[in-house]
Amino acid sequence: MKAHLADLLNQAIQSLIQAGTLPPDAQAEIHIENTRDKAHGDLASNLAMTLAKAARSNPRQLAEKICAALPASDQVVKTEIAGPGFINFFINPDAIYTVVGDILSQGKAFGRAEPNSG
């Protein structure tokens, strides 16, 4: 799920670069972590805070622009902005359980960098 969210955030960054909101050389390491309180969503990113200086923007306002630029995803129910600019993701419960099929089909290889090892 984190990889999917990172991909969505990368697409949003590219959209904002094309729109001129972010400079063409804007680079950000995307960090996605579990939220401490599930009332704030399932996962969160501090991307807006890491890009705010390059964008010459308030992190919270930039988070709003990032959320608006996120491509639609069946796996994300909604996003919310918290605090100084955290982007909280609420994941579709059905999407969370799709990993069970992956675990069953990959067996002991699930989660390994090289599925054929071990």
PDB file of N, CA and C in Angstrom:
ATOM      1  N   MET A   1       0.817  -1.192   0.000  1.00  0.00           N
ATOM      2  CA  MET A   1       0.000   0.000   0.000  1.00  0.00           C
ATOM      3  C   MET A   1       0.865   1.262   0.000  1.00  0.00           C
ATOM      4  N   LYS A   2       1.969   1.216   0.751  1.00  0.00           N
ATOM      5  CA  LYS A   2       2.852   2.380   0.796  1.00  0.00           C
ATOM      6  C   LYS A   2       3.426   2.683  -0.587  1.00  0.00           C
ATOM      7  N   ALA A   3       3.745   1.644  -1.342  1.00  0.00           N
ATOM      8  CA  ALA A   3       4.274   1.852  -2.693  1.00  0.00           C
ATOM      9  C   ALA A   3       3.214   2.495  -3.591  1.00  0.00           C
ATOM     10  N   HIS A   4       1.982   2.071  -3.427  1.00  0.00           N
ATOM     11  CA  HIS A   4       0.893   2.647  -4.222  1.00  0.00           C
ATOM     12  C   HIS A   4       0.728   4.134  -3.887  1.00  0.00           C
ATOM     13  N   LEU A   5       0.751   4.464  -2.608  1.00  0.00           N
ATOM     14  CA  LEU A   5       0.619   5.865  -2.202  1.00  0.00           C
ATOM     15  C   LEU A   5       1.805   6.696  -2.686  1.00  0.00           C
ATOM     16  N   ALA A   6       2.997   6.122  -2.622  1.00  0.00           N
ATOM     17  CA  ALA A   6       4.185   6.832  -3.117  1.00  0.00           C
ATOM     18  C   ALA A   6       4.040   7.124  -4.612  1.00  0.00           C
ATOM     19  N   ASP A   7       3.500   6.168  -5.350  1.00  0.00           N
ATOM     20  CA  ASP A   7       3.274   6.371  -6.782  1.00  0.00           C
ATOM     21  C   ASP A   7       2.259   7.500  -7.008  1.00  0.00           C
ATOM     22  N   LEU A   8       1.176   7.503  -6.245  1.00  0.00           N
ATOM     23  CA  LEU A   8       0.186   8.575  -6.363  1.00  0.00           C
ATOM     24  C   LEU A   8       0.805   9.934  -6.041  1.00  0.00           C
ATOM     25  N   LEU A   9       1.617   9.989  -4.990  1.00  0.00           N
ATOM     26  CA  LEU A   9       2.267  11.245  -4.611  1.00  0.00           C
ATOM     27  C   LEU A   9       3.254  11.703  -5.679  1.00  0.00           C
ATOM     28  N   ASN A  10       3.983  10.762  -6.269  1.00  0.00           N
ATOM     29  CA  ASN A  10       4.903  11.116  -7.361  1.00  0.00           C
ATOM     30  C   ASN A  10       4.137  11.704  -8.542  1.00  0.00           C
ATOM     31  N   GLN A  11       2.994  11.123  -8.859  1.00  0.00           N
ATOM     32  CA  GLN A  11       2.175  11.654  -9.955  1.00  0.00           C
ATOM     33  C   GLN A  11       1.679  13.063  -9.621  1.00  0.00           C
ATOM     34  N   ALA A  12       1.305  13.279  -8.371  1.00  0.00           N
ATOM     35  CA  ALA A  12       0.858  14.611  -7.952  1.00  0.00           C
ATOM     36  C   ALA A  12       2.000  15.621  -8.070  1.00  0.00           C
ATOM     37  N   ILE A  13       3.198  15.218  -7.670  1.00  0.00           N
ATOM     38  CA  ILE A  13       4.367  16.103  -7.795  1.00  0.00           C
ATOM     39  C   ILE A  13       4.584  16.489  -9.257  1.00  0.00           C
ATOM     40  N   GLN A  14       4.526  15.505 -10.142  1.00  0.00           N
ATOM     41  CA  GLN A  14       4.717  15.790 -11.565  1.00  0.00           C
ATOM     42  C   GLN A  14       3.650  16.750 -12.085  1.00  0.00           C
ATOM     43  N   SER A  15       2.414  16.578 -11.647  1.00  0.00           N
ATOM     44  CA  SER A  15       1.334  17.487 -12.055  1.00  0.00           C
ATOM     45  C   SER A  15       1.609  18.904 -11.564  1.00  0.00           C
ATOM     46  N   LEU A  16       2.091  19.024 -10.335  1.00  0.00           N
ATOM     47  CA  LEU A  16       2.372  20.342  -9.776  1.00  0.00           C
ATOM     48  C   LEU A  16       3.587  20.992 -10.436  1.00  0.00           C
ATOM     49  N   ILE A  17       4.541  20.186 -10.868  1.00  0.00           N
ATOM     50  CA  ILE A  17       5.674  20.722 -11.619  1.00  0.00           C
ATOM     51  C   ILE A  17       5.179  21.262 -12.962  1.00  0.00           C
ATOM     52  N   GLN A  18       4.341  20.483 -13.635  1.00  0.00           N
ATOM     53  CA  GLN A  18       3.797  20.920 -14.934  1.00  0.00           C
ATOM     54  C   GLN A  18       2.941  22.174 -14.788  1.00  0.00           C
ATOM     55  N   ALA A  19       2.250  22.306 -13.656  1.00  0.00           N
ATOM     56  CA  ALA A  19       1.397  23.474 -13.427  1.00  0.00           C
ATOM     57  C   ALA A  19       2.194  24.695 -12.980  1.00  0.00           C
ATOM     58  N   GLY A  20       3.486  24.501 -12.673  1.00  0.00           N
ATOM     59  CA  GLY A  20       4.317  25.606 -12.226  1.00  0.00           C
ATOM     60  C   GLY A  20       4.246  25.865 -10.728  1.00  0.00           C
ATOM     61  N   THR A  21       3.529  25.030 -10.000  1.00  0.00           N
ATOM     62  CA  THR A  21       3.440  25.176  -8.551  1.00  0.00           C
ATOM     63  C   THR A  21       4.752  24.790  -7.891  1.00  0.00           C
ATOM     64  N   LEU A  22       5.397  23.788  -8.447  1.00  0.00           N
ATOM     65  CA  LEU A  22       6.710  23.349  -7.974  1.00  0.00           C
ATOM     66  C   LEU A  22       7.735  23.618  -9.062  1.00  0.00           C
ATOM     67  N   PRO A  23       8.974  23.941  -8.681  1.00  0.00           N
ATOM     68  CA  PRO A  23      10.014  24.157  -9.692  1.00  0.00           C
ATOM     69  C   PRO A  23      10.363  22.838 -10.385  1.00  0.00           C
ATOM     70  N   PRO A  24      10.837  22.910 -11.626  1.00  0.00           N
ATOM     71  CA  PRO A  24      11.144  21.689 -12.387  1.00  0.00           C
ATOM     72  C   PRO A  24      12.167  20.774 -11.711  1.00  0.00           C
ATOM     73  N   ASP A  25      13.020  21.347 -10.877  1.00  0.00           N
ATOM     74  CA  ASP A  25      14.049  20.535 -10.226  1.00  0.00           C
ATOM     75  C   ASP A  25      13.644  20.083  -8.820  1.00  0.00           C
ATOM     76  N   ALA A  26      12.363  20.239  -8.480  1.00  0.00           N
ATOM     77  CA  ALA A  26      11.894  19.849  -7.148  1.00  0.00           C
ATOM     78  C   ALA A  26      12.081  18.352  -6.945  1.00  0.00           C
ATOM     79  N   GLN A  27      12.743  18.008  -5.866  1.00  0.00           N
ATOM     80  CA  GLN A  27      12.969  16.611  -5.536  1.00  0.00           C
ATOM     81  C   GLN A  27      12.562  16.395  -4.093  1.00  0.00           C
ATOM     82  N   ALA A  28      11.916  15.279  -3.866  1.00  0.00           N
ATOM     83  CA  ALA A  28      11.506  14.981  -2.493  1.00  0.00           C
ATOM     84  C   ALA A  28      11.584  13.490  -2.261  1.00  0.00           C
ATOM     85  N   GLU A  29      12.043  13.156  -1.085  1.00  0.00           N
ATOM     86  CA  GLU A  29      11.978  11.767  -0.647  1.00  0.00           C
ATOM     87  C   GLU A  29      10.605  11.578  -0.039  1.00  0.00           C
ATOM     88  N   ILE A  30       9.873  10.637  -0.562  1.00  0.00           N
ATOM     89  CA  ILE A  30       8.522  10.415  -0.066  1.00  0.00           C
ATOM     90  C   ILE A  30       8.576   9.428   1.086  1.00  0.00           C
ATOM     91  N   HIS A  31       8.112   9.898   2.237  1.00  0.00           N
ATOM     92  CA  HIS A  31       8.034   9.056   3.425  1.00  0.00           C
ATOM     93  C   HIS A  31       6.568   8.848   3.758  1.00  0.00           C
ATOM     94  N   ILE A  32       6.201   7.602   3.934  1.00  0.00           N
ATOM     95  CA  ILE A  32       4.832   7.257   4.298  1.00  0.00           C
ATOM     96  C   ILE A  32       4.912   6.363   5.524  1.00  0.00           C
ATOM     97  N   GLU A  33       4.188   6.761   6.556  1.00  0.00           N
ATOM     98  CA  GLU A  33       4.234   6.016   7.810  1.00  0.00           C
ATOM     99  C   GLU A  33       2.826   5.736   8.304  1.00  0.00           C
ATOM    100  N   ASN A  34       2.718   4.743   9.172  1.00  0.00           N
ATOM    101  CA  ASN A  34       1.447   4.474   9.829  1.00  0.00           C
ATOM    102  C   ASN A  34       1.127   5.629  10.757  1.00  0.00           C
ATOM    103  N   THR A  35      -0.147   5.965  10.851  1.00  0.00           N
ATOM    104  CA  THR A  35      -0.540   7.012  11.785  1.00  0.00           C
ATOM    105  C   THR A  35      -0.569   6.442  13.198  1.00  0.00           C
ATOM    106  N   ARG A  36      -0.343   7.290  14.164  1.00  0.00           N
ATOM    107  CA  ARG A  36      -0.375   6.846  15.566  1.00  0.00           C
ATOM    108  C   ARG A  36      -1.807   6.670  16.045  1.00  0.00           C
ATOM    109  N   ASP A  37      -2.701   7.477  15.502  1.00  0.00           N
ATOM    110  CA  ASP A  37      -4.102   7.438  15.903  1.00  0.00           C
ATOM    111  C   ASP A  37      -4.938   7.174  14.654  1.00  0.00           C
ATOM    112  N   LYS A  38      -5.668   6.067  14.636  1.00  0.00           N
ATOM    113  CA  LYS A  38      -6.455   5.684  13.457  1.00  0.00           C
ATOM    114  C   LYS A  38      -7.551   6.693  13.133  1.00  0.00           C
ATOM    115  N   ALA A  39      -7.881   7.584  14.065  1.00  0.00           N
ATOM    116  CA  ALA A  39      -8.833   8.649  13.769  1.00  0.00           C
ATOM    117  C   ALA A  39      -8.250   9.614  12.739  1.00  0.00           C
ATOM    118  N   HIS A  40      -6.916   9.591  12.607  1.00  0.00           N
ATOM    119  CA  HIS A  40      -6.230  10.455  11.645  1.00  0.00           C
ATOM    120  C   HIS A  40      -5.886   9.725  10.363  1.00  0.00           C
ATOM    121  N   GLY A  41      -6.517   8.600  10.114  1.00  0.00           N
ATOM    122  CA  GLY A  41      -6.269   7.853   8.896  1.00  0.00           C
ATOM    123  C   GLY A  41      -5.401   6.641   9.156  1.00  0.00           C
ATOM    124  N   ASP A  42      -5.066   5.961   8.073  1.00  0.00           N
ATOM    125  CA  ASP A  42      -4.267   4.744   8.167  1.00  0.00           C
ATOM    126  C   ASP A  42      -2.782   5.011   7.956  1.00  0.00           C
ATOM    127  N   LEU A  43      -2.487   5.896   7.012  1.00  0.00           N
ATOM    128  CA  LEU A  43      -1.107   6.228   6.671  1.00  0.00           C
ATOM    129  C   LEU A  43      -0.983   7.731   6.503  1.00  0.00           C
ATOM    130  N   ALA A  44       0.231   8.251   6.662  1.00  0.00           N
ATOM    131  CA  ALA A  44       0.451   9.695   6.546  1.00  0.00           C
ATOM    132  C   ALA A  44       1.787   9.978   5.871  1.00  0.00           C
ATOM    133  N   SER A  45       1.859  11.148   5.238  1.00  0.00           N
ATOM    134  CA  SER A  45       3.092  11.587   4.595  1.00  0.00           C
ATOM    135  C   SER A  45       3.371  13.036   4.979  1.00  0.00           C
ATOM    136  N   ASN A  46       4.643  13.350   5.120  1.00  0.00           N
ATOM    137  CA  ASN A  46       5.067  14.727   5.413  1.00  0.00           C
ATOM    138  C   ASN A  46       5.585  15.420   4.153  1.00  0.00           C
ATOM    139  N   LEU A  47       5.204  14.930   2.995  1.00  0.00           N
ATOM    140  CA  LEU A  47       5.717  15.421   1.717  1.00  0.00           C
ATOM    141  C   LEU A  47       5.598  16.938   1.568  1.00  0.00           C
ATOM    142  N   ALA A  48       4.469  17.505   1.934  1.00  0.00           N
ATOM    143  CA  ALA A  48       4.279  18.950   1.760  1.00  0.00           C
ATOM    144  C   ALA A  48       5.296  19.743   2.569  1.00  0.00           C
ATOM    145  N   MET A  49       5.637  19.236   3.738  1.00  0.00           N
ATOM    146  CA  MET A  49       6.604  19.954   4.577  1.00  0.00           C
ATOM    147  C   MET A  49       8.004  19.877   3.981  1.00  0.00           C
ATOM    148  N   THR A  50       8.330  18.764   3.313  1.00  0.00           N
ATOM    149  CA  THR A  50       9.662  18.639   2.724  1.00  0.00           C
ATOM    150  C   THR A  50       9.782  19.442   1.427  1.00  0.00           C
ATOM    151  N   LEU A  51       8.655  19.707   0.767  1.00  0.00           N
ATOM    152  CA  LEU A  51       8.683  20.456  -0.495  1.00  0.00           C
ATOM    153  C   LEU A  51       8.362  21.943  -0.328  1.00  0.00           C
ATOM    154  N   ALA A  52       7.933  22.352   0.833  1.00  0.00           N
ATOM    155  CA  ALA A  52       7.457  23.720   1.039  1.00  0.00           C
ATOM    156  C   ALA A  52       8.509  24.778   0.688  1.00  0.00           C
ATOM    157  N   LYS A  53       9.747  24.543   1.085  1.00  0.00           N
ATOM    158  CA  LYS A  53      10.790  25.532   0.802  1.00  0.00           C
ATOM    159  C   LYS A  53      11.002  25.670  -0.705  1.00  0.00           C
ATOM    160  N   ALA A  54      11.093  24.541  -1.413  1.00  0.00           N
ATOM    161  CA  ALA A  54      11.292  24.589  -2.872  1.00  0.00           C
ATOM    162  C   ALA A  54      10.110  25.261  -3.566  1.00  0.00           C
ATOM    163  N   ALA A  55       8.917  25.045  -3.027  1.00  0.00           N
ATOM    164  CA  ALA A  55       7.709  25.617  -3.629  1.00  0.00           C
ATOM    165  C   ALA A  55       7.470  27.060  -3.187  1.00  0.00           C
ATOM    166  N   ARG A  56       8.270  27.491  -2.188  1.00  0.00           N
ATOM    167  CA  ARG A  56       8.065  28.829  -1.598  1.00  0.00           C
ATOM    168  C   ARG A  56       6.603  28.983  -1.182  1.00  0.00           C
ATOM    169  N   SER A  57       6.155  27.990  -0.442  1.00  0.00           N
ATOM    170  CA  SER A  57       4.758  27.930  -0.061  1.00  0.00           C
ATOM    171  C   SER A  57       4.618  27.481   1.386  1.00  0.00           C
ATOM    172  N   ASN A  58       3.514  27.834   1.988  1.00  0.00           N
ATOM    173  CA  ASN A  58       3.152  27.341   3.302  1.00  0.00           C
ATOM    174  C   ASN A  58       2.895  25.836   3.173  1.00  0.00           C
ATOM    175  N   PRO A  59       3.460  25.014   4.059  1.00  0.00           N
ATOM    176  CA  PRO A  59       3.304  23.564   3.927  1.00  0.00           C
ATOM    177  C   PRO A  59       1.844  23.108   3.902  1.00  0.00           C
ATOM    178  N   ARG A  60       1.007  23.714   4.706  1.00  0.00           N
ATOM    179  CA  ARG A  60      -0.405  23.309   4.733  1.00  0.00           C
ATOM    180  C   ARG A  60      -1.094  23.635   3.406  1.00  0.00           C
ATOM    181  N   GLN A  61      -0.798  24.812   2.843  1.00  0.00           N
ATOM    182  CA  GLN A  61      -1.376  25.176   1.544  1.00  0.00           C
ATOM    183  C   GLN A  61      -0.853  24.250   0.447  1.00  0.00           C
ATOM    184  N   LEU A  62       0.430  23.902   0.531  1.00  0.00           N
ATOM    185  CA  LEU A  62       0.994  22.983  -0.447  1.00  0.00           C
ATOM    186  C   LEU A  62       0.353  21.603  -0.312  1.00  0.00           C
ATOM    187  N   ALA A  63       0.085  21.168   0.910  1.00  0.00           N
ATOM    188  CA  ALA A  63      -0.583  19.879   1.125  1.00  0.00           C
ATOM    189  C   ALA A  63      -1.950  19.871   0.452  1.00  0.00           C
ATOM    190  N   GLU A  64      -2.669  20.994   0.514  1.00  0.00           N
ATOM    191  CA  GLU A  64      -3.966  21.096  -0.159  1.00  0.00           C
ATOM    192  C   GLU A  64      -3.802  20.919  -1.668  1.00  0.00           C
ATOM    193  N   LYS A  65      -2.762  21.528  -2.223  1.00  0.00           N
ATOM    194  CA  LYS A  65      -2.518  21.415  -3.670  1.00  0.00           C
ATOM    195  C   LYS A  65      -2.119  19.990  -4.042  1.00  0.00           C
ATOM    196  N   ILE A  66      -1.321  19.353  -3.200  1.00  0.00           N
ATOM    197  CA  ILE A  66      -0.918  17.965  -3.462  1.00  0.00           C
ATOM    198  C   ILE A  66      -2.147  17.063  -3.448  1.00  0.00           C
ATOM    199  N   CYS A  67      -2.991  17.236  -2.438  1.00  0.00           N
ATOM    200  CA  CYS A  67      -4.207  16.415  -2.353  1.00  0.00           C
ATOM    201  C   CYS A  67      -5.097  16.624  -3.578  1.00  0.00           C
ATOM    202  N   ALA A  68      -5.212  17.863  -4.026  1.00  0.00           N
ATOM    203  CA  ALA A  68      -6.031  18.154  -5.202  1.00  0.00           C
ATOM    204  C   ALA A  68      -5.445  17.528  -6.465  1.00  0.00           C
ATOM    205  N   ALA A  69      -4.124  17.363  -6.502  1.00  0.00           N
ATOM    206  CA  ALA A  69      -3.453  16.812  -7.681  1.00  0.00           C
ATOM    207  C   ALA A  69      -3.333  15.291  -7.644  1.00  0.00           C
ATOM    208  N   LEU A  70      -3.700  14.659  -6.530  1.00  0.00           N
ATOM    209  CA  LEU A  70      -3.593  13.202  -6.439  1.00  0.00           C
ATOM    210  C   LEU A  70      -4.536  12.538  -7.429  1.00  0.00           C
ATOM    211  N   PRO A  71      -4.054  11.568  -8.183  1.00  0.00           N
ATOM    212  CA  PRO A  71      -4.951  10.821  -9.065  1.00  0.00           C
ATOM    213  C   PRO A  71      -5.959  10.024  -8.234  1.00  0.00           C
ATOM    214  N   ALA A  72      -7.111   9.776  -8.809  1.00  0.00           N
ATOM    215  CA  ALA A  72      -8.121   8.967  -8.128  1.00  0.00           C
ATOM    216  C   ALA A  72      -7.599   7.550  -7.933  1.00  0.00           C
ATOM    217  N   SER A  73      -7.987   6.941  -6.819  1.00  0.00           N
ATOM    218  CA  SER A  73      -7.576   5.573  -6.526  1.00  0.00           C
ATOM    219  C   SER A  73      -8.696   4.879  -5.763  1.00  0.00           C
ATOM    220  N   ASP A  74      -9.049   3.681  -6.199  1.00  0.00           N
ATOM    221  CA  ASP A  74     -10.056   2.889  -5.492  1.00  0.00           C
ATOM    222  C   ASP A  74      -9.565   2.479  -4.112  1.00  0.00           C
ATOM    223  N   GLN A  75      -8.257   2.546  -3.901  1.00  0.00           N
ATOM    224  CA  GLN A  75      -7.684   2.101  -2.637  1.00  0.00           C
ATOM    225  C   GLN A  75      -7.684   3.192  -1.565  1.00  0.00           C
ATOM    226  N   VAL A  76      -7.913   4.427  -1.977  1.00  0.00           N
ATOM    227  CA  VAL A  76      -7.916   5.550  -1.027  1.00  0.00           C
ATOM    228  C   VAL A  76      -9.334   6.102  -0.935  1.00  0.00           C
ATOM    229  N   VAL A  77      -9.898   6.062   0.270  1.00  0.00           N
ATOM    230  CA  VAL A  77     -11.243   6.570   0.487  1.00  0.00           C
ATOM    231  C   VAL A  77     -11.232   8.091   0.513  1.00  0.00           C
ATOM    232  N   LYS A  78     -10.268   8.665   1.275  1.00  0.00           N
ATOM    233  CA  LYS A  78     -10.155  10.116   1.347  1.00  0.00           C
ATOM    234  C   LYS A  78      -8.791  10.496   1.906  1.00  0.00           C
ATOM    235  N   THR A  79      -8.481  11.777   1.762  1.00  0.00           N
ATOM    236  CA  THR A  79      -7.278  12.340   2.372  1.00  0.00           C
ATOM    237  C   THR A  79      -7.703  13.514   3.244  1.00  0.00           C
ATOM    238  N   GLU A  80      -6.913  13.770   4.255  1.00  0.00           N
ATOM    239  CA  GLU A  80      -7.119  14.935   5.114  1.00  0.00           C
ATOM    240  C   GLU A  80      -5.761  15.549   5.411  1.00  0.00           C
ATOM    241  N   ILE A  81      -5.776  16.833   5.669  1.00  0.00           N
ATOM    242  CA  ILE A  81      -4.544  17.534   6.027  1.00  0.00           C
ATOM    243  C   ILE A  81      -4.580  17.783   7.524  1.00  0.00           C
ATOM    244  N   ALA A  82      -3.485  17.475   8.178  1.00  0.00           N
ATOM    245  CA  ALA A  82      -3.412  17.621   9.628  1.00  0.00           C
ATOM    246  C   ALA A  82      -2.204  18.463  10.015  1.00  0.00           C
ATOM    247  N   GLY A  83      -2.349  19.167  11.105  1.00  0.00           N
ATOM    248  CA  GLY A  83      -1.240  19.937  11.655  1.00  0.00           C
ATOM    249  C   GLY A  83      -0.627  20.881  10.643  1.00  0.00           C
ATOM    250  N   PRO A  84       0.698  20.931  10.621  1.00  0.00           N
ATOM    251  CA  PRO A  84       1.383  21.893   9.763  1.00  0.00           C
ATOM    252  C   PRO A  84       1.411  21.499   8.286  1.00  0.00           C
ATOM    253  N   GLY A  85       0.897  20.315   7.938  1.00  0.00           N
ATOM    254  CA  GLY A  85       0.894  19.922   6.532  1.00  0.00           C
ATOM    255  C   GLY A  85       1.024  18.438   6.283  1.00  0.00           C
ATOM    256  N   PHE A  86       0.755  17.623   7.283  1.00  0.00           N
ATOM    257  CA  PHE A  86       0.745  16.176   7.065  1.00  0.00           C
ATOM    258  C   PHE A  86      -0.443  15.820   6.175  1.00  0.00           C
ATOM    259  N   ILE A  87      -0.240  14.878   5.284  1.00  0.00           N
ATOM    260  CA  ILE A  87      -1.323  14.368   4.452  1.00  0.00           C
ATOM    261  C   ILE A  87      -1.687  12.991   4.989  1.00  0.00           C
ATOM    262  N   ASN A  88      -2.904  12.877   5.504  1.00  0.00           N
ATOM    263  CA  ASN A  88      -3.382  11.615   6.052  1.00  0.00           C
ATOM    264  C   ASN A  88      -4.227  10.892   5.011  1.00  0.00           C
ATOM    265  N   PHE A  89      -3.970   9.598   4.868  1.00  0.00           N
ATOM    266  CA  PHE A  89      -4.688   8.771   3.910  1.00  0.00           C
ATOM    267  C   PHE A  89      -5.595   7.794   4.640  1.00  0.00           C
ATOM    268  N   PHE A  90      -6.833   7.749   4.233  1.00  0.00           N
ATOM    269  CA  PHE A  90      -7.786   6.779   4.743  1.00  0.00           C
ATOM    270  C   PHE A  90      -7.944   5.715   3.664  1.00  0.00           C
ATOM    271  N   ILE A  91      -7.547   4.502   3.980  1.00  0.00           N
ATOM    272  CA  ILE A  91      -7.495   3.416   3.013  1.00  0.00           C
ATOM    273  C   ILE A  91      -8.815   2.653   2.991  1.00  0.00           C
ATOM    274  N   ASN A  92      -9.236   2.284   1.793  1.00  0.00           N
ATOM    275  CA  ASN A  92     -10.427   1.466   1.612  1.00  0.00           C
ATOM    276  C   ASN A  92     -10.191   0.125   2.311  1.00  0.00           C
ATOM    277  N   PRO A  93     -11.047  -0.260   3.244  1.00  0.00           N
ATOM    278  CA  PRO A  93     -10.838  -1.527   3.965  1.00  0.00           C
ATOM    279  C   PRO A  93     -10.706  -2.737   3.032  1.00  0.00           C
ATOM    280  N   ASP A  94     -11.419  -2.728   1.921  1.00  0.00           N
ATOM    281  CA  ASP A  94     -11.303  -3.839   0.978  1.00  0.00           C
ATOM    282  C   ASP A  94      -9.893  -3.919   0.391  1.00  0.00           C
ATOM    283  N   ALA A  95      -9.249  -2.779   0.185  1.00  0.00           N
ATOM    284  CA  ALA A  95      -7.898  -2.753  -0.376  1.00  0.00           C
ATOM    285  C   ALA A  95      -6.886  -3.315   0.605  1.00  0.00           C
ATOM    286  N   ILE A  96      -7.126  -3.094   1.891  1.00  0.00           N
ATOM    287  CA  ILE A  96      -6.200  -3.582   2.909  1.00  0.00           C
ATOM    288  C   ILE A  96      -6.126  -5.106   2.881  1.00  0.00           C
ATOM    289  N   TYR A  97      -7.261  -5.742   2.647  1.00  0.00           N
ATOM    290  CA  TYR A  97      -7.307  -7.201   2.710  1.00  0.00           C
ATOM    291  C   TYR A  97      -6.892  -7.892   1.407  1.00  0.00           C
ATOM    292  N   THR A  98      -6.656  -7.132   0.337  1.00  0.00           N
ATOM    293  CA  THR A  98      -6.206  -7.754  -0.901  1.00  0.00           C
ATOM    294  C   THR A  98      -4.822  -8.371  -0.753  1.00  0.00           C
ATOM    295  N   VAL A  99      -4.056  -7.904   0.222  1.00  0.00           N
ATOM    296  CA  VAL A  99      -2.718  -8.446   0.444  1.00  0.00           C
ATOM    297  C   VAL A  99      -2.783  -9.912   0.865  1.00  0.00           C
ATOM    298  N   VAL A 100      -3.894 -10.346   1.438  1.00  0.00           N
ATOM    299  CA  VAL A 100      -4.021 -11.748   1.860  1.00  0.00           C
ATOM    300  C   VAL A 100      -3.846 -12.678   0.667  1.00  0.00           C
ATOM    301  N   GLY A 101      -4.440 -12.329  -0.469  1.00  0.00           N
ATOM    302  CA  GLY A 101      -4.275 -13.137  -1.683  1.00  0.00           C
ATOM    303  C   GLY A 101      -2.826 -13.186  -2.130  1.00  0.00           C
ATOM    304  N   ASP A 102      -2.121 -12.064  -2.011  1.00  0.00           N
ATOM    305  CA  ASP A 102      -0.701 -12.024  -2.366  1.00  0.00           C
ATOM    306  C   ASP A 102       0.109 -12.939  -1.446  1.00  0.00           C
ATOM    307  N   ILE A 103      -0.205 -12.898  -0.166  1.00  0.00           N
ATOM    308  CA  ILE A 103       0.513 -13.735   0.804  1.00  0.00           C
ATOM    309  C   ILE A 103       0.298 -15.208   0.471  1.00  0.00           C
ATOM    310  N   LEU A 104      -0.944 -15.566   0.197  1.00  0.00           N
ATOM    311  CA  LEU A 104      -1.243 -16.972  -0.098  1.00  0.00           C
ATOM    312  C   LEU A 104      -0.589 -17.435  -1.390  1.00  0.00           C
ATOM    313  N   SER A 105      -0.594 -16.592  -2.415  1.00  0.00           N
ATOM    314  CA  SER A 105      -0.020 -17.015  -3.696  1.00  0.00           C
ATOM    315  C   SER A 105       1.507 -17.044  -3.668  1.00  0.00           C
ATOM    316  N   GLN A 106       2.146 -16.155  -2.887  1.00  0.00           N
ATOM    317  CA  GLN A 106       3.605 -16.102  -2.860  1.00  0.00           C
ATOM    318  C   GLN A 106       4.218 -16.979  -1.776  1.00  0.00           C
ATOM    319  N   GLY A 107       3.414 -17.384  -0.827  1.00  0.00           N
ATOM    320  CA  GLY A 107       3.908 -18.256   0.240  1.00  0.00           C
ATOM    321  C   GLY A 107       5.098 -17.668   0.966  1.00  0.00           C
ATOM    322  N   LYS A 108       6.147 -18.475   1.145  1.00  0.00           N
ATOM    323  CA  LYS A 108       7.336 -18.033   1.893  1.00  0.00           C
ATOM    324  C   LYS A 108       8.083 -16.902   1.201  1.00  0.00           C
ATOM    325  N   ALA A 109       7.838 -16.703  -0.082  1.00  0.00           N
ATOM    326  CA  ALA A 109       8.522 -15.647  -0.819  1.00  0.00           C
ATOM    327  C   ALA A 109       7.922 -14.268  -0.561  1.00  0.00           C
ATOM    328  N   PHE A 110       6.749 -14.216   0.053  1.00  0.00           N
ATOM    329  CA  PHE A 110       6.102 -12.940   0.283  1.00  0.00           C
ATOM    330  C   PHE A 110       6.981 -12.024   1.145  1.00  0.00           C
ATOM    331  N   GLY A 111       7.156 -10.795   0.671  1.00  0.00           N
ATOM    332  CA  GLY A 111       7.920  -9.804   1.415  1.00  0.00           C
ATOM    333  C   GLY A 111       9.407  -9.833   1.173  1.00  0.00           C
ATOM    334  N   ARG A 112       9.875 -10.788   0.420  1.00  0.00           N
ATOM    335  CA  ARG A 112      11.318 -10.857   0.128  1.00  0.00           C
ATOM    336  C   ARG A 112      11.647  -9.985  -1.070  1.00  0.00           C
ATOM    337  N   ALA A 113      12.831  -9.445  -1.057  1.00  0.00           N
ATOM    338  CA  ALA A 113      13.275  -8.621  -2.170  1.00  0.00           C
ATOM    339  C   ALA A 113      13.406  -9.456  -3.443  1.00  0.00           C
ATOM    340  N   GLU A 114      13.827 -10.689  -3.268  1.00  0.00           N
ATOM    341  CA  GLU A 114      13.965 -11.604  -4.398  1.00  0.00           C
ATOM    342  C   GLU A 114      13.016 -12.774  -4.157  1.00  0.00           C
ATOM    343  N   PRO A 115      11.841 -12.777  -4.839  1.00  0.00           N
ATOM    344  CA  PRO A 115      10.823 -13.787  -4.566  1.00  0.00           C
ATOM    345  C   PRO A 115      11.299 -15.228  -4.713  1.00  0.00           C
ATOM    346  N   ASN A 116      12.323 -15.475  -5.495  1.00  0.00           N
ATOM    347  CA  ASN A 116      12.763 -16.852  -5.709  1.00  0.00           C
ATOM    348  C   ASN A 116      13.804 -17.314  -4.692  1.00  0.00           C
ATOM    349  N   SER A 117      14.225 -16.424  -3.807  1.00  0.00           N
ATOM    350  CA  SER A 117      15.245 -16.834  -2.844  1.00  0.00           C
ATOM    351  C   SER A 117      14.601 -17.517  -1.652  1.00  0.00           C
ATOM    352  N   GLY A 118      15.337 -18.389  -1.012  1.00  0.00           N
ATOM    353  CA  GLY A 118      14.913 -18.989   0.227  1.00  0.00           C
ATOM    354  C   GLY A 118      14.110 -20.170   0.023  1.00  0.00           C
TER     355      GLY A 118
END
